[in-house]
Amino acid sequence: AVHTEQTGAALGEFLRELRAMERCGPTMPEIEKARSTHSNRLCESLQTQAGTVHLYVQSAALGNSAEERKQFHEKVRATDDAQFSGPNMEIFSSEAVTTVLVGDRKVIEPQLVYAQAELLAAGEDALRILPDPEYRDREGAVL
């Protein structure tokens, strides 16, 4: 979440990061930070009964045993750096991303123009990365 007047800059930054990951995947420092963040969040969750139960509720909702959570966290800790390259990184595709902006259209539209200009200035194909917006009402119907 960002302030409306910063939407264009934030969207441009998000898309630049996504394009960088699309081109070459995450860097080793980013992978290490993700592992560390996961570990820290796990420790924080286990500090309270509600946090611990929340971890296992996710597993139960997927029809898995409580043991599945333990195995999942062990797998995260043991990830191999090679898992962060090639076909495994196809998820980082700017063409597969849906970005939802919520707010006053009169304020957000100029921010989209700003974001497109930022991407073009960076040498990106702004129209491929940031296609024409689709507008919807509060109930989700296309306007």
Protein backbone atom coordinates (compact mmCIF):
# COMPACT_ATOMS: atom_id res chain seq x y z
CA ALA A 1 0.00 0.00 0.00
CA VAL A 2 1.28 3.44 -0.92
CA HIS A 3 -0.05 6.97 -0.87
CA THR A 4 -2.02 7.71 -4.04
CA GLU A 5 0.41 10.40 -5.19
CA GLN A 6 3.20 7.80 -5.12
CA THR A 7 1.33 5.16 -7.13
CA GLY A 8 3.23 5.81 -10.36
CA ALA A 9 6.65 5.68 -8.75
CA ALA A 10 5.80 2.58 -6.71
CA LEU A 11 4.27 0.80 -9.71
CA GLY A 12 7.28 1.65 -11.85
CA GLU A 13 9.66 0.32 -9.19
CA PHE A 14 7.62 -2.86 -8.76
CA LEU A 15 7.62 -3.50 -12.51
CA ARG A 16 11.36 -2.77 -12.84
CA GLU A 17 12.09 -5.30 -10.08
CA LEU A 18 9.79 -7.84 -11.70
CA ARG A 19 11.50 -7.37 -15.09
CA ALA A 20 14.93 -7.78 -13.47
CA MET A 21 13.83 -11.05 -11.87
CA GLU A 22 12.24 -12.12 -15.16
CA ARG A 23 15.57 -11.56 -16.95
CA CYS A 24 17.98 -13.14 -14.48
CA GLY A 25 16.13 -14.42 -11.42
CA PRO A 26 16.73 -13.38 -7.82
CA THR A 27 20.23 -12.57 -6.65
CA MET A 28 21.99 -14.58 -3.94
CA PRO A 29 21.55 -11.79 -1.35
CA GLU A 30 17.80 -11.74 -2.14
CA ILE A 31 17.57 -15.51 -1.74
CA GLU A 32 19.40 -15.38 1.59
CA LYS A 33 17.18 -12.52 2.76
CA ALA A 34 14.07 -14.52 1.83
CA ARG A 35 15.32 -17.54 3.78
CA SER A 36 16.15 -15.35 6.76
CA THR A 37 12.78 -13.59 6.64
CA HIS A 38 10.98 -16.93 6.47
CA SER A 39 12.94 -18.19 9.47
CA ASN A 40 12.27 -15.01 11.47
CA ARG A 41 8.54 -15.13 10.72
CA LEU A 42 8.40 -18.77 11.74
CA CYS A 43 10.09 -17.94 15.06
CA GLU A 44 7.68 -15.04 15.64
CA SER A 45 4.69 -17.29 14.91
CA LEU A 46 5.88 -19.90 17.37
CA GLN A 47 6.13 -17.31 20.19
CA THR A 48 2.37 -17.28 20.74
CA GLN A 49 -0.30 -19.91 20.89
CA ALA A 50 -2.37 -18.06 18.27
CA GLY A 51 0.61 -17.84 15.93
CA THR A 52 1.40 -21.52 16.33
CA VAL A 53 -2.21 -22.52 15.73
CA HIS A 54 -2.29 -20.28 12.64
CA LEU A 55 0.62 -22.24 11.10
CA TYR A 56 -1.22 -25.51 11.53
CA VAL A 57 -4.61 -24.15 10.46
CA GLN A 58 -3.08 -23.47 7.03
CA SER A 59 -1.97 -27.08 6.80
CA ALA A 60 -5.32 -28.40 7.98
CA ALA A 61 -7.16 -26.22 5.46
CA LEU A 62 -5.17 -27.93 2.71
CA GLY A 63 -6.09 -31.35 4.11
CA ASN A 64 -2.60 -32.02 5.41
CA SER A 65 -1.39 -33.30 8.75
CA ALA A 66 0.36 -31.09 11.30
CA GLU A 67 3.60 -32.87 10.36
CA GLU A 68 3.33 -31.31 6.88
CA ARG A 69 4.15 -27.84 8.28
CA LYS A 70 7.31 -29.12 9.90
CA GLN A 71 8.37 -30.79 6.65
CA PHE A 72 7.57 -27.63 4.70
CA HIS A 73 9.75 -25.44 6.91
CA GLU A 74 12.59 -27.98 6.74
CA LYS A 75 12.36 -27.91 2.94
CA VAL A 76 12.48 -24.11 2.90
CA ARG A 77 15.62 -24.13 5.03
CA ALA A 78 17.22 -26.76 2.77
CA THR A 79 16.47 -25.13 -0.59
CA ASP A 80 19.29 -25.39 -3.06
CA ASP A 81 20.42 -22.28 -4.93
CA ALA A 82 19.96 -24.14 -8.24
CA GLN A 83 16.23 -24.20 -7.52
CA PHE A 84 16.20 -20.47 -8.17
CA SER A 85 17.07 -20.63 -11.86
CA GLY A 86 15.71 -21.80 -15.19
CA PRO A 87 12.15 -23.13 -15.44
CA ASN A 88 11.57 -22.64 -11.70
CA MET A 89 11.68 -18.88 -12.23
CA GLU A 90 9.03 -18.72 -14.96
CA ILE A 91 6.64 -17.51 -12.29
CA PHE A 92 8.42 -14.15 -12.48
CA SER A 93 6.77 -13.09 -15.71
CA SER A 94 5.52 -9.56 -16.19
CA GLU A 95 2.95 -10.95 -18.61
CA ALA A 96 1.45 -13.20 -15.92
CA VAL A 97 0.99 -10.45 -13.32
CA THR A 98 -2.29 -8.79 -12.50
CA THR A 99 -1.89 -5.51 -10.67
CA VAL A 100 -4.89 -3.98 -8.93
CA LEU A 101 -4.93 -0.27 -8.18
CA VAL A 102 -7.75 0.99 -5.99
CA GLY A 103 -8.65 4.62 -5.64
CA ASP A 104 -9.90 7.75 -7.32
CA ARG A 105 -9.51 7.28 -11.06
CA LYS A 106 -8.82 10.99 -11.59
CA VAL A 107 -5.82 10.74 -9.28
CA ILE A 108 -4.53 7.33 -10.36
CA GLU A 109 -4.67 7.82 -14.15
CA PRO A 110 -1.94 10.51 -14.18
CA GLN A 111 0.16 8.17 -12.02
CA LEU A 112 -0.16 5.45 -14.67
CA VAL A 113 1.11 7.91 -17.28
CA TYR A 114 4.02 8.70 -14.95
CA ALA A 115 4.80 4.99 -14.50
CA GLN A 116 4.78 4.42 -18.27
CA ALA A 117 7.14 7.36 -18.79
CA GLU A 118 9.47 5.99 -16.10
CA LEU A 119 9.55 2.58 -17.77
CA LEU A 120 10.17 4.07 -21.20
CA ALA A 121 12.99 6.19 -19.78
CA ALA A 122 14.54 3.01 -18.39
CA GLY A 123 14.40 1.43 -21.87
CA GLU A 124 11.53 -0.92 -21.08
CA ASP A 125 8.63 -1.76 -23.36
CA ALA A 126 6.07 0.06 -21.23
CA LEU A 127 3.04 -1.07 -23.22
CA ARG A 128 3.98 -4.74 -22.87
CA ILE A 129 4.70 -4.37 -19.19
CA LEU A 130 1.89 -1.97 -18.37
CA PRO A 131 -1.02 -2.65 -20.73
CA ASP A 132 -4.08 -0.43 -21.02
CA PRO A 133 -5.95 -0.42 -17.72
CA GLU A 134 -9.25 -2.15 -17.23
CA TYR A 135 -11.74 -0.24 -15.10
CA ARG A 136 -14.27 -1.90 -12.83
CA ASP A 137 -16.94 -0.68 -10.44
CA ARG A 138 -17.19 -1.62 -6.75
CA GLU A 139 -18.92 -4.89 -7.60
CA GLY A 140 -16.28 -5.87 -10.16
CA ALA A 141 -18.30 -5.20 -13.31
CA VAL A 142 -16.29 -3.81 -16.21
CA LEU A 143 -16.99 -0.14 -16.81
